[in-house]
Protein backbone atom coordinates (compact mmCIF):
# COMPACT_ATOMS: atom_id res chain seq x y z
CA MET A 1 38.44 -4.68 -2.24
CA ASP A 2 37.41 -6.63 0.85
CA ILE A 3 33.83 -5.47 0.40
CA LEU A 4 33.58 -7.67 -2.70
CA PHE A 5 33.74 -10.74 -0.44
CA LEU A 6 30.48 -9.54 1.07
CA LEU A 7 28.74 -8.02 -1.96
CA VAL A 8 29.27 -10.89 -4.42
CA PRO A 9 27.69 -13.59 -2.22
CA LEU A 10 24.85 -11.22 -1.26
CA SER A 11 24.13 -10.46 -4.91
CA VAL A 12 24.15 -14.17 -5.74
CA LEU A 13 21.70 -14.84 -2.88
CA LEU A 14 19.49 -12.00 -4.04
CA ALA A 15 19.49 -13.30 -7.62
CA LEU A 16 18.63 -16.81 -6.41
CA GLY A 17 15.82 -15.40 -4.28
CA VAL A 18 14.35 -13.48 -7.21
CA MET A 19 14.54 -16.55 -9.43
CA GLY A 20 12.89 -18.64 -6.71
CA VAL A 21 10.01 -16.19 -6.35
CA LEU A 22 9.57 -16.08 -10.12
CA ALA A 23 9.61 -19.90 -10.33
CA TRP A 24 7.02 -20.10 -7.54
CA ALA A 25 4.79 -17.60 -9.34
CA VAL A 26 4.99 -19.53 -12.61
CA TRP A 27 4.36 -22.94 -11.03
CA SER A 28 1.52 -21.74 -8.81
CA GLY A 29 -0.46 -20.36 -11.78
CA GLN A 30 -0.01 -16.64 -11.20
CA PHE A 31 0.49 -16.03 -14.93
CA GLU A 32 -2.47 -18.09 -16.18
CA ALA A 33 -5.31 -16.38 -18.07
CA LEU A 34 -3.80 -12.91 -18.18
CA ASP A 35 -6.28 -11.71 -20.83
CA SER A 36 -9.36 -12.62 -18.82
CA GLU A 37 -8.08 -10.78 -15.74
CA GLY A 38 -7.62 -7.62 -17.78
CA GLN A 39 -11.18 -7.90 -19.11
CA ARG A 40 -12.73 -8.89 -15.76
CA ILE A 41 -12.29 -5.38 -14.34
CA LEU A 42 -14.42 -3.96 -17.17
CA MET A 43 -17.39 -6.29 -16.58
CA PRO A 44 -20.08 -5.42 -14.04
CA GLY A 45 -20.32 -7.68 -11.02
CA PRO A 46 -23.41 -9.64 -9.95
CA ASP A 47 -24.73 -6.75 -7.83
CA GLU A 48 -23.98 -4.01 -10.36
CA THR A 49 -25.97 -2.73 -13.31
CA ALA A 50 -24.45 -1.24 -16.43
CA VAL A 51 -26.20 1.66 -18.18
CA LEU A 52 -25.26 2.67 -21.70
CA THR A 53 -25.88 6.42 -21.96
CA GLU A 54 -23.92 7.37 -25.05
CA PRO A 55 -22.23 5.24 -27.68
CA GLY A 56 -19.14 3.79 -26.03
CA LEU A 57 -19.83 5.33 -22.60
CA ILE A 58 -20.94 2.96 -19.82
CA HIS A 59 -21.93 4.04 -16.31
CA ILE A 60 -22.00 1.38 -13.62
CA ASN A 61 -24.40 1.75 -10.65
CA THR A 62 -25.68 5.13 -11.77
CA PRO A 63 -29.29 6.07 -12.40
CA ASN A 64 -30.30 6.38 -16.02
CA THR A 65 -30.84 10.10 -16.59
CA ASP A 66 -31.39 11.90 -19.84
CA ARG A 67 -29.97 15.17 -18.51
CA LEU A 68 -26.67 16.50 -19.74
CA HIS A 69 -24.05 17.25 -17.14
CA SER A 70 -23.11 20.92 -16.96
């Protein structure tokens, strides 16, 4: 039963720490423009070229070949 005197304050401090980190993330803009970040990974960068080989299949930084892979 004496362990509760240690565990309860530690759990309260942990909860306050988690809420503080979440508040910092929200106020510093970490959750802004979530859709554009998900789409950004699919777009080629300035030094990359995208090649459309088949409908719906895009190769980035690969030579355009008409050969089929075996």
